Amino acid sequence: MDSHGAGSPGGSSSGLGAGLSESSEASESKARRAQVSGVVMETLPSALYKVRLDEGSLVVAHIADRMDRNFVRILVGDRVRLELSPSDVGRGRIVERL
């Protein structure tokens, strides 16, 4: 049974190490997200919103899970704060209604 690696301590320790590095990478990526504010211009299907940033560019954003759970309504014309994705600056997540 040990030949399959089911009871080997090396397999469990490598799994814990990978989990720790993933959580530290997740916290670093949260710190890298730029927070900007803007105005909701349009409501799109699938709970997406077009937001015009204060700098003038348009971003497609979805509502953060925390706001969705608390039933925060986002309407056209609302000022919102959002986090931009580090990989795609044209997408973001609405984290607060101002």
PDB file of N, CA and C in Angstrom:
ATOM      1  N   MET A   1       0.811  -1.195   0.000  1.00  0.00           N
ATOM      2  CA  MET A   1       0.000   0.000   0.000  1.00  0.00           C
ATOM      3  C   MET A   1       0.853   1.257   0.000  1.00  0.00           C
ATOM      4  N   ASP A   2       2.032   1.220   0.619  1.00  0.00           N
ATOM      5  CA  ASP A   2       2.897   2.389   0.648  1.00  0.00           C
ATOM      6  C   ASP A   2       3.429   2.740  -0.731  1.00  0.00           C
ATOM      7  N   SER A   3       3.447   1.789  -1.668  1.00  0.00           N
ATOM      8  CA  SER A   3       3.958   2.074  -3.004  1.00  0.00           C
ATOM      9  C   SER A   3       3.067   3.064  -3.749  1.00  0.00           C
ATOM     10  N   HIS A   4       1.808   3.180  -3.336  1.00  0.00           N
ATOM     11  CA  HIS A   4       0.906   4.140  -3.985  1.00  0.00           C
ATOM     12  C   HIS A   4       1.055   5.533  -3.409  1.00  0.00           C
ATOM     13  N   GLY A   5       1.722   5.684  -2.281  1.00  0.00           N
ATOM     14  CA  GLY A   5       1.941   6.994  -1.686  1.00  0.00           C
ATOM     15  C   GLY A   5       0.776   7.470  -0.850  1.00  0.00           C
ATOM     16  N   ALA A   6      -0.124   6.557  -0.462  1.00  0.00           N
ATOM     17  CA  ALA A   6      -1.298   6.976   0.297  1.00  0.00           C
ATOM     18  C   ALA A   6      -0.934   7.373   1.716  1.00  0.00           C
ATOM     19  N   GLY A   7       0.047   6.688   2.324  1.00  0.00           N
ATOM     20  CA  GLY A   7       0.375   6.975   3.711  1.00  0.00           C
ATOM     21  C   GLY A   7       1.715   7.660   3.870  1.00  0.00           C
ATOM     22  N   SER A   8       2.351   8.094   2.800  1.00  0.00           N
ATOM     23  CA  SER A   8       3.677   8.685   2.910  1.00  0.00           C
ATOM     24  C   SER A   8       3.607  10.114   3.421  1.00  0.00           C
ATOM     25  N   PRO A   9       4.464  10.465   4.374  1.00  0.00           N
ATOM     26  CA  PRO A   9       4.439  11.818   4.907  1.00  0.00           C
ATOM     27  C   PRO A   9       4.904  12.857   3.889  1.00  0.00           C
ATOM     28  N   GLY A  10       5.691  12.459   2.907  1.00  0.00           N
ATOM     29  CA  GLY A  10       6.167  13.406   1.901  1.00  0.00           C
ATOM     30  C   GLY A  10       5.034  13.960   1.064  1.00  0.00           C
ATOM     31  N   GLY A  11       4.029  13.151   0.774  1.00  0.00           N
ATOM     32  CA  GLY A  11       2.906  13.606  -0.038  1.00  0.00           C
ATOM     33  C   GLY A  11       2.051  14.620   0.684  1.00  0.00           C
ATOM     34  N   SER A  12       1.861  14.436   2.005  1.00  0.00           N
ATOM     35  CA  SER A  12       1.013  15.368   2.746  1.00  0.00           C
ATOM     36  C   SER A  12       1.732  16.684   3.004  1.00  0.00           C
ATOM     37  N   SER A  13       3.055  16.634   3.246  1.00  0.00           N
ATOM     38  CA  SER A  13       3.768  17.883   3.528  1.00  0.00           C
ATOM     39  C   SER A  13       3.878  18.746   2.283  1.00  0.00           C
ATOM     40  N   SER A  14       4.035  18.111   1.100  1.00  0.00           N
ATOM     41  CA  SER A  14       4.113  18.919  -0.117  1.00  0.00           C
ATOM     42  C   SER A  14       2.761  19.573  -0.409  1.00  0.00           C
ATOM     43  N   GLY A  15       1.676  18.932  -0.038  1.00  0.00           N
ATOM     44  CA  GLY A  15       0.363  19.530  -0.226  1.00  0.00           C
ATOM     45  C   GLY A  15       0.163  20.744   0.663  1.00  0.00           C
ATOM     46  N   LEU A  16       0.684  20.685   1.903  1.00  0.00           N
ATOM     47  CA  LEU A  16       0.562  21.826   2.801  1.00  0.00           C
ATOM     48  C   LEU A  16       1.413  22.987   2.328  1.00  0.00           C
ATOM     49  N   GLY A  17       2.599  22.703   1.852  1.00  0.00           N
ATOM     50  CA  GLY A  17       3.482  23.763   1.370  1.00  0.00           C
ATOM     51  C   GLY A  17       2.891  24.474   0.169  1.00  0.00           C
ATOM     52  N   ALA A  18       2.253  23.714  -0.729  1.00  0.00           N
ATOM     53  CA  ALA A  18       1.645  24.329  -1.905  1.00  0.00           C
ATOM     54  C   ALA A  18       0.479  25.214  -1.495  1.00  0.00           C
ATOM     55  N   GLY A  19      -0.276  24.803  -0.479  1.00  0.00           N
ATOM     56  CA  GLY A  19      -1.412  25.605  -0.022  1.00  0.00           C
ATOM     57  C   GLY A  19      -0.967  26.923   0.586  1.00  0.00           C
ATOM     58  N   LEU A  20       0.147  26.905   1.317  1.00  0.00           N
ATOM     59  CA  LEU A  20       0.641  28.136   1.930  1.00  0.00           C
ATOM     60  C   LEU A  20       1.132  29.116   0.879  1.00  0.00           C
ATOM     61  N   SER A  21       1.831  28.611  -0.145  1.00  0.00           N
ATOM     62  CA  SER A  21       2.337  29.518  -1.164  1.00  0.00           C
ATOM     63  C   SER A  21       1.196  30.099  -1.988  1.00  0.00           C
ATOM     64  N   GLU A  22       0.143  29.328  -2.214  1.00  0.00           N
ATOM     65  CA  GLU A  22      -0.996  29.845  -2.966  1.00  0.00           C
ATOM     66  C   GLU A  22      -1.708  30.948  -2.196  1.00  0.00           C
ATOM     67  N   SER A  23      -1.823  30.809  -0.867  1.00  0.00           N
ATOM     68  CA  SER A  23      -2.505  31.836  -0.092  1.00  0.00           C
ATOM     69  C   SER A  23      -1.674  33.111  -0.040  1.00  0.00           C
ATOM     70  N   SER A  24      -0.349  33.001   0.020  1.00  0.00           N
ATOM     71  CA  SER A  24       0.481  34.202   0.016  1.00  0.00           C
ATOM     72  C   SER A  24       0.436  34.883  -1.338  1.00  0.00           C
ATOM     73  N   GLU A  25       0.356  34.098  -2.419  1.00  0.00           N
ATOM     74  CA  GLU A  25       0.213  34.690  -3.753  1.00  0.00           C
ATOM     75  C   GLU A  25      -1.127  35.394  -3.882  1.00  0.00           C
ATOM     76  N   ALA A  26      -2.173  34.842  -3.282  1.00  0.00           N
ATOM     77  CA  ALA A  26      -3.489  35.463  -3.345  1.00  0.00           C
ATOM     78  C   ALA A  26      -3.494  36.794  -2.605  1.00  0.00           C
ATOM     79  N   SER A  27      -2.822  36.860  -1.452  1.00  0.00           N
ATOM     80  CA  SER A  27      -2.785  38.119  -0.708  1.00  0.00           C
ATOM     81  C   SER A  27      -1.963  39.165  -1.453  1.00  0.00           C
ATOM     82  N   GLU A  28      -0.911  38.751  -2.164  1.00  0.00           N
ATOM     83  CA  GLU A  28      -0.120  39.688  -2.955  1.00  0.00           C
ATOM     84  C   GLU A  28      -0.928  40.226  -4.118  1.00  0.00           C
ATOM     85  N   SER A  29      -1.729  39.376  -4.756  1.00  0.00           N
ATOM     86  CA  SER A  29      -2.523  39.839  -5.892  1.00  0.00           C
ATOM     87  C   SER A  29      -3.627  40.792  -5.436  1.00  0.00           C
ATOM     88  N   LYS A  30      -4.156  40.599  -4.220  1.00  0.00           N
ATOM     89  CA  LYS A  30      -5.146  41.525  -3.689  1.00  0.00           C
ATOM     90  C   LYS A  30      -4.521  42.893  -3.453  1.00  0.00           C
ATOM     91  N   ALA A  31      -3.271  42.912  -3.016  1.00  0.00           N
ATOM     92  CA  ALA A  31      -2.598  44.178  -2.758  1.00  0.00           C
ATOM     93  C   ALA A  31      -2.279  44.913  -4.056  1.00  0.00           C
ATOM     94  N   ARG A  32      -2.096  44.180  -5.168  1.00  0.00           N
ATOM     95  CA  ARG A  32      -1.738  44.802  -6.438  1.00  0.00           C
ATOM     96  C   ARG A  32      -2.932  45.415  -7.150  1.00  0.00           C
ATOM     97  N   ARG A  33      -4.153  45.070  -6.776  1.00  0.00           N
ATOM     98  CA  ARG A  33      -5.319  45.572  -7.475  1.00  0.00           C
ATOM     99  C   ARG A  33      -5.483  47.065  -7.224  1.00  0.00           C
ATOM    100  N   ALA A  34      -5.654  47.816  -8.297  1.00  0.00           N
ATOM    101  CA  ALA A  34      -5.818  49.260  -8.178  1.00  0.00           C
ATOM    102  C   ALA A  34      -7.276  49.578  -7.872  1.00  0.00           C
ATOM    103  N   GLN A  35      -7.513  50.424  -6.884  1.00  0.00           N
ATOM    104  CA  GLN A  35      -8.871  50.848  -6.564  1.00  0.00           C
ATOM    105  C   GLN A  35      -9.109  52.215  -7.184  1.00  0.00           C
ATOM    106  N   VAL A  36     -10.172  52.312  -7.978  1.00  0.00           N
ATOM    107  CA  VAL A  36     -10.543  53.553  -8.647  1.00  0.00           C
ATOM    108  C   VAL A  36     -12.034  53.766  -8.453  1.00  0.00           C
ATOM    109  N   SER A  37     -12.502  54.956  -8.746  1.00  0.00           N
ATOM    110  CA  SER A  37     -13.936  55.218  -8.641  1.00  0.00           C
ATOM    111  C   SER A  37     -14.456  55.669  -9.988  1.00  0.00           C
ATOM    112  N   GLY A  38     -15.767  55.531 -10.164  1.00  0.00           N
ATOM    113  CA  GLY A  38     -16.393  55.904 -11.412  1.00  0.00           C
ATOM    114  C   GLY A  38     -17.904  55.937 -11.277  1.00  0.00           C
ATOM    115  N   VAL A  39     -18.583  56.086 -12.421  1.00  0.00           N
ATOM    116  CA  VAL A  39     -20.037  56.186 -12.466  1.00  0.00           C
ATOM    117  C   VAL A  39     -20.576  55.064 -13.351  1.00  0.00           C
ATOM    118  N   VAL A  40     -21.625  54.377 -12.887  1.00  0.00           N
ATOM    119  CA  VAL A  40     -22.247  53.306 -13.663  1.00  0.00           C
ATOM    120  C   VAL A  40     -22.980  53.928 -14.846  1.00  0.00           C
ATOM    121  N   MET A  41     -22.626  53.496 -16.056  1.00  0.00           N
ATOM    122  CA  MET A  41     -23.219  54.050 -17.265  1.00  0.00           C
ATOM    123  C   MET A  41     -24.341  53.169 -17.819  1.00  0.00           C
ATOM    124  N   GLU A  42     -24.195  51.849 -17.651  1.00  0.00           N
ATOM    125  CA  GLU A  42     -25.137  50.927 -18.279  1.00  0.00           C
ATOM    126  C   GLU A  42     -25.154  49.614 -17.515  1.00  0.00           C
ATOM    127  N   THR A  43     -26.340  48.998 -17.443  1.00  0.00           N
ATOM    128  CA  THR A  43     -26.478  47.669 -16.864  1.00  0.00           C
ATOM    129  C   THR A  43     -26.487  46.655 -18.000  1.00  0.00           C
ATOM    130  N   LEU A  44     -25.642  45.645 -17.899  1.00  0.00           N
ATOM    131  CA  LEU A  44     -25.523  44.610 -18.928  1.00  0.00           C
ATOM    132  C   LEU A  44     -26.103  43.298 -18.397  1.00  0.00           C
ATOM    133  N   PRO A  45     -26.373  42.339 -19.284  1.00  0.00           N
ATOM    134  CA  PRO A  45     -26.844  41.026 -18.818  1.00  0.00           C
ATOM    135  C   PRO A  45     -25.797  40.317 -17.958  1.00  0.00           C
ATOM    136  N   SER A  46     -26.225  39.333 -17.220  1.00  0.00           N
ATOM    137  CA  SER A  46     -25.382  38.497 -16.359  1.00  0.00           C
ATOM    138  C   SER A  46     -24.725  39.302 -15.241  1.00  0.00           C
ATOM    139  N   ALA A  47     -25.441  40.264 -14.697  1.00  0.00           N
ATOM    140  CA  ALA A  47     -24.988  41.061 -13.547  1.00  0.00           C
ATOM    141  C   ALA A  47     -23.679  41.778 -13.822  1.00  0.00           C
ATOM    142  N   LEU A  48     -23.512  42.290 -15.046  1.00  0.00           N
ATOM    143  CA  LEU A  48     -22.353  43.085 -15.409  1.00  0.00           C
ATOM    144  C   LEU A  48     -22.769  44.538 -15.568  1.00  0.00           C
ATOM    145  N   TYR A  49     -21.801  45.431 -15.391  1.00  0.00           N
ATOM    146  CA  TYR A  49     -22.068  46.865 -15.478  1.00  0.00           C
ATOM    147  C   TYR A  49     -20.969  47.528 -16.278  1.00  0.00           C
ATOM    148  N   LYS A  50     -21.332  48.544 -17.084  1.00  0.00           N
ATOM    149  CA  LYS A  50     -20.346  49.393 -17.734  1.00  0.00           C
ATOM    150  C   LYS A  50     -20.132  50.593 -16.849  1.00  0.00           C
ATOM    151  N   VAL A  51     -18.883  50.833 -16.476  1.00  0.00           N
ATOM    152  CA  VAL A  51     -18.553  51.913 -15.554  1.00  0.00           C
ATOM    153  C   VAL A  51     -17.564  52.849 -16.245  1.00  0.00           C
ATOM    154  N   ARG A  52     -17.863  54.155 -16.214  1.00  0.00           N
ATOM    155  CA  ARG A  52     -16.922  55.151 -16.716  1.00  0.00           C
ATOM    156  C   ARG A  52     -16.093  55.635 -15.540  1.00  0.00           C
ATOM    157  N   LEU A  53     -14.785  55.405 -15.631  1.00  0.00           N
ATOM    158  CA  LEU A  53     -13.878  55.807 -14.564  1.00  0.00           C
ATOM    159  C   LEU A  53     -13.695  57.314 -14.573  1.00  0.00           C
ATOM    160  N   ASP A  54     -13.203  57.846 -13.464  1.00  0.00           N
ATOM    161  CA  ASP A  54     -12.941  59.281 -13.363  1.00  0.00           C
ATOM    162  C   ASP A  54     -11.898  59.724 -14.375  1.00  0.00           C
ATOM    163  N   GLU A  55     -10.993  58.815 -14.764  1.00  0.00           N
ATOM    164  CA  GLU A  55      -9.982  59.137 -15.782  1.00  0.00           C
ATOM    165  C   GLU A  55     -10.584  59.207 -17.177  1.00  0.00           C
ATOM    166  N   GLY A  56     -11.800  58.641 -17.359  1.00  0.00           N
ATOM    167  CA  GLY A  56     -12.470  58.722 -18.651  1.00  0.00           C
ATOM    168  C   GLY A  56     -12.612  57.404 -19.391  1.00  0.00           C
ATOM    169  N   SER A  57     -11.920  56.341 -18.991  1.00  0.00           N
ATOM    170  CA  SER A  57     -12.007  55.071 -19.707  1.00  0.00           C
ATOM    171  C   SER A  57     -13.223  54.265 -19.239  1.00  0.00           C
ATOM    172  N   LEU A  58     -13.681  53.353 -20.097  1.00  0.00           N
ATOM    173  CA  LEU A  58     -14.813  52.475 -19.791  1.00  0.00           C
ATOM    174  C   LEU A  58     -14.303  51.116 -19.330  1.00  0.00           C
ATOM    175  N   VAL A  59     -14.960  50.548 -18.321  1.00  0.00           N
ATOM    176  CA  VAL A  59     -14.596  49.254 -17.750  1.00  0.00           C
ATOM    177  C   VAL A  59     -15.857  48.429 -17.599  1.00  0.00           C
ATOM    178  N   VAL A  60     -15.775  47.138 -17.886  1.00  0.00           N
ATOM    179  CA  VAL A  60     -16.869  46.213 -17.605  1.00  0.00           C
ATOM    180  C   VAL A  60     -16.594  45.601 -16.243  1.00  0.00           C
ATOM    181  N   ALA A  61     -17.569  45.704 -15.333  1.00  0.00           N
ATOM    182  CA  ALA A  61     -17.344  45.255 -13.958  1.00  0.00           C
ATOM    183  C   ALA A  61     -18.498  44.393 -13.475  1.00  0.00           C
ATOM    184  N   HIS A  62     -18.196  43.494 -12.555  1.00  0.00           N
ATOM    185  CA  HIS A  62     -19.226  42.709 -11.881  1.00  0.00           C
ATOM    186  C   HIS A  62     -19.250  43.122 -10.412  1.00  0.00           C
ATOM    187  N   ILE A  63     -20.320  42.762  -9.736  1.00  0.00           N
ATOM    188  CA  ILE A  63     -20.479  43.157  -8.339  1.00  0.00           C
ATOM    189  C   ILE A  63     -19.751  42.155  -7.450  1.00  0.00           C
ATOM    190  N   ALA A  64     -19.098  42.659  -6.411  1.00  0.00           N
ATOM    191  CA  ALA A  64     -18.365  41.799  -5.481  1.00  0.00           C
ATOM    192  C   ALA A  64     -19.350  40.920  -4.711  1.00  0.00           C
ATOM    193  N   ASP A  65     -18.888  39.750  -4.313  1.00  0.00           N
ATOM    194  CA  ASP A  65     -19.746  38.786  -3.618  1.00  0.00           C
ATOM    195  C   ASP A  65     -20.272  39.351  -2.303  1.00  0.00           C
ATOM    196  N   ARG A  66     -19.457  40.111  -1.604  1.00  0.00           N
ATOM    197  CA  ARG A  66     -19.877  40.684  -0.329  1.00  0.00           C
ATOM    198  C   ARG A  66     -21.073  41.613  -0.513  1.00  0.00           C
ATOM    199  N   MET A  67     -21.064  42.416  -1.578  1.00  0.00           N
ATOM    200  CA  MET A  67     -22.181  43.335  -1.844  1.00  0.00           C
ATOM    201  C   MET A  67     -23.410  42.570  -2.319  1.00  0.00           C
ATOM    202  N   ASP A  68     -23.176  41.511  -3.100  1.00  0.00           N
ATOM    203  CA  ASP A  68     -24.284  40.716  -3.621  1.00  0.00           C
ATOM    204  C   ASP A  68     -25.033  40.014  -2.492  1.00  0.00           C
ATOM    205  N   ARG A  69     -24.303  39.533  -1.502  1.00  0.00           N
ATOM    206  CA  ARG A  69     -24.931  38.857  -0.367  1.00  0.00           C
ATOM    207  C   ARG A  69     -25.774  39.810   0.466  1.00  0.00           C
ATOM    208  N   ASN A  70     -25.376  41.077   0.512  1.00  0.00           N
ATOM    209  CA  ASN A  70     -26.114  42.066   1.286  1.00  0.00           C
ATOM    210  C   ASN A  70     -27.185  42.786   0.464  1.00  0.00           C
ATOM    211  N   PHE A  71     -27.429  42.325  -0.755  1.00  0.00           N
ATOM    212  CA  PHE A  71     -28.477  42.842  -1.627  1.00  0.00           C
ATOM    213  C   PHE A  71     -28.324  44.337  -1.901  1.00  0.00           C
ATOM    214  N   VAL A  72     -27.085  44.778  -2.128  1.00  0.00           N
ATOM    215  CA  VAL A  72     -26.842  46.179  -2.476  1.00  0.00           C
ATOM    216  C   VAL A  72     -27.252  46.365  -3.931  1.00  0.00           C
ATOM    217  N   ARG A  73     -28.117  47.344  -4.185  1.00  0.00           N
ATOM    218  CA  ARG A  73     -28.595  47.616  -5.538  1.00  0.00           C
ATOM    219  C   ARG A  73     -27.672  48.604  -6.225  1.00  0.00           C
ATOM    220  N   ILE A  74     -27.299  48.289  -7.443  1.00  0.00           N
ATOM    221  CA  ILE A  74     -26.489  49.188  -8.249  1.00  0.00           C
ATOM    222  C   ILE A  74     -27.350  49.650  -9.414  1.00  0.00           C
ATOM    223  N   LEU A  75     -27.520  50.958  -9.548  1.00  0.00           N
ATOM    224  CA  LEU A  75     -28.349  51.535 -10.599  1.00  0.00           C
ATOM    225  C   LEU A  75     -27.500  52.434 -11.493  1.00  0.00           C
ATOM    226  N   VAL A  76     -28.012  52.721 -12.678  1.00  0.00           N
ATOM    227  CA  VAL A  76     -27.328  53.633 -13.594  1.00  0.00           C
ATOM    228  C   VAL A  76     -27.236  55.001 -12.933  1.00  0.00           C
ATOM    229  N   GLY A  77     -26.061  55.590 -12.968  1.00  0.00           N
ATOM    230  CA  GLY A  77     -25.829  56.892 -12.346  1.00  0.00           C
ATOM    231  C   GLY A  77     -25.199  56.810 -10.975  1.00  0.00           C
ATOM    232  N   ASP A  78     -25.113  55.626 -10.374  1.00  0.00           N
ATOM    233  CA  ASP A  78     -24.487  55.479  -9.058  1.00  0.00           C
ATOM    234  C   ASP A  78     -22.975  55.633  -9.157  1.00  0.00           C
ATOM    235  N   ARG A  79     -22.394  56.310  -8.164  1.00  0.00           N
ATOM    236  CA  ARG A  79     -20.928  56.365  -8.058  1.00  0.00           C
ATOM    237  C   ARG A  79     -20.477  55.119  -7.297  1.00  0.00           C
ATOM    238  N   VAL A  80     -19.457  54.456  -7.819  1.00  0.00           N
ATOM    239  CA  VAL A  80     -18.977  53.211  -7.226  1.00  0.00           C
ATOM    240  C   VAL A  80     -17.456  53.233  -7.145  1.00  0.00           C
ATOM    241  N   ARG A  81     -16.923  52.425  -6.223  1.00  0.00           N
ATOM    242  CA  ARG A  81     -15.484  52.175  -6.144  1.00  0.00           C
ATOM    243  C   ARG A  81     -15.264  50.759  -6.636  1.00  0.00           C
ATOM    244  N   LEU A  82     -14.267  50.586  -7.485  1.00  0.00           N
ATOM    245  CA  LEU A  82     -14.002  49.247  -7.996  1.00  0.00           C
ATOM    246  C   LEU A  82     -12.522  48.934  -7.987  1.00  0.00           C
ATOM    247  N   GLU A  83     -12.243  47.640  -8.022  1.00  0.00           N
ATOM    248  CA  GLU A  83     -10.874  47.133  -8.113  1.00  0.00           C
ATOM    249  C   GLU A  83     -10.657  46.676  -9.536  1.00  0.00           C
ATOM    250  N   LEU A  84      -9.588  47.130 -10.156  1.00  0.00           N
ATOM    251  CA  LEU A  84      -9.267  46.701 -11.506  1.00  0.00           C
ATOM    252  C   LEU A  84      -8.460  45.414 -11.466  1.00  0.00           C
ATOM    253  N   SER A  85      -8.715  44.556 -12.429  1.00  0.00           N
ATOM    254  CA  SER A  85      -7.980  43.307 -12.528  1.00  0.00           C
ATOM    255  C   SER A  85      -6.544  43.597 -12.961  1.00  0.00           C
ATOM    256  N   PRO A  86      -5.548  42.976 -12.317  1.00  0.00           N
ATOM    257  CA  PRO A  86      -4.163  43.231 -12.731  1.00  0.00           C
ATOM    258  C   PRO A  86      -3.838  42.665 -14.104  1.00  0.00           C
ATOM    259  N   SER A  87      -4.551  41.630 -14.538  1.00  0.00           N
ATOM    260  CA  SER A  87      -4.257  41.024 -15.829  1.00  0.00           C
ATOM    261  C   SER A  87      -5.002  41.702 -16.974  1.00  0.00           C
ATOM    262  N   ASP A  88      -6.202  42.263 -16.719  1.00  0.00           N
ATOM    263  CA  ASP A  88      -6.990  42.910 -17.761  1.00  0.00           C
ATOM    264  C   ASP A  88      -7.576  44.195 -17.180  1.00  0.00           C
ATOM    265  N   VAL A  89      -7.021  45.334 -17.565  1.00  0.00           N
ATOM    266  CA  VAL A  89      -7.426  46.615 -16.989  1.00  0.00           C
ATOM    267  C   VAL A  89      -8.833  47.008 -17.430  1.00  0.00           C
ATOM    268  N   GLY A  90      -9.370  46.368 -18.450  1.00  0.00           N
ATOM    269  CA  GLY A  90     -10.721  46.666 -18.929  1.00  0.00           C
ATOM    270  C   GLY A  90     -11.810  45.967 -18.130  1.00  0.00           C
ATOM    271  N   ARG A  91     -11.424  45.184 -17.134  1.00  0.00           N
ATOM    272  CA  ARG A  91     -12.400  44.474 -16.302  1.00  0.00           C
ATOM    273  C   ARG A  91     -12.149  44.794 -14.842  1.00  0.00           C
ATOM    274  N   GLY A  92     -13.216  44.750 -14.049  1.00  0.00           N
ATOM    275  CA  GLY A  92     -13.064  45.053 -12.638  1.00  0.00           C
ATOM    276  C   GLY A  92     -14.187  44.477 -11.811  1.00  0.00           C
ATOM    277  N   ARG A  93     -14.115  44.760 -10.501  1.00  0.00           N
ATOM    278  CA  ARG A  93     -15.119  44.281  -9.560  1.00  0.00           C
ATOM    279  C   ARG A  93     -15.571  45.464  -8.717  1.00  0.00           C
ATOM    280  N   ILE A  94     -16.880  45.671  -8.632  1.00  0.00           N
ATOM    281  CA  ILE A  94     -17.432  46.757  -7.839  1.00  0.00           C
ATOM    282  C   ILE A  94     -17.401  46.315  -6.376  1.00  0.00           C
ATOM    283  N   VAL A  95     -16.693  47.081  -5.531  1.00  0.00           N
ATOM    284  CA  VAL A  95     -16.547  46.705  -4.133  1.00  0.00           C
ATOM    285  C   VAL A  95     -17.329  47.618  -3.200  1.00  0.00           C
ATOM    286  N   GLU A  96     -17.763  48.788  -3.675  1.00  0.00           N
ATOM    287  CA  GLU A  96     -18.482  49.703  -2.795  1.00  0.00           C
ATOM    288  C   GLU A  96     -19.306  50.692  -3.619  1.00  0.00           C
ATOM    289  N   ARG A  97     -20.490  51.000  -3.109  1.00  0.00           N
ATOM    290  CA  ARG A  97     -21.299  52.068  -3.700  1.00  0.00           C
ATOM    291  C   ARG A  97     -21.067  53.328  -2.885  1.00  0.00           C
ATOM    292  N   LEU A  98     -20.706  54.414  -3.543  1.00  0.00           N
ATOM    293  CA  LEU A  98     -20.371  55.653  -2.838  1.00  0.00           C
ATOM    294  C   LEU A  98     -21.569  56.557  -2.680  1.00  0.00           C
TER     295      LEU A  98
END
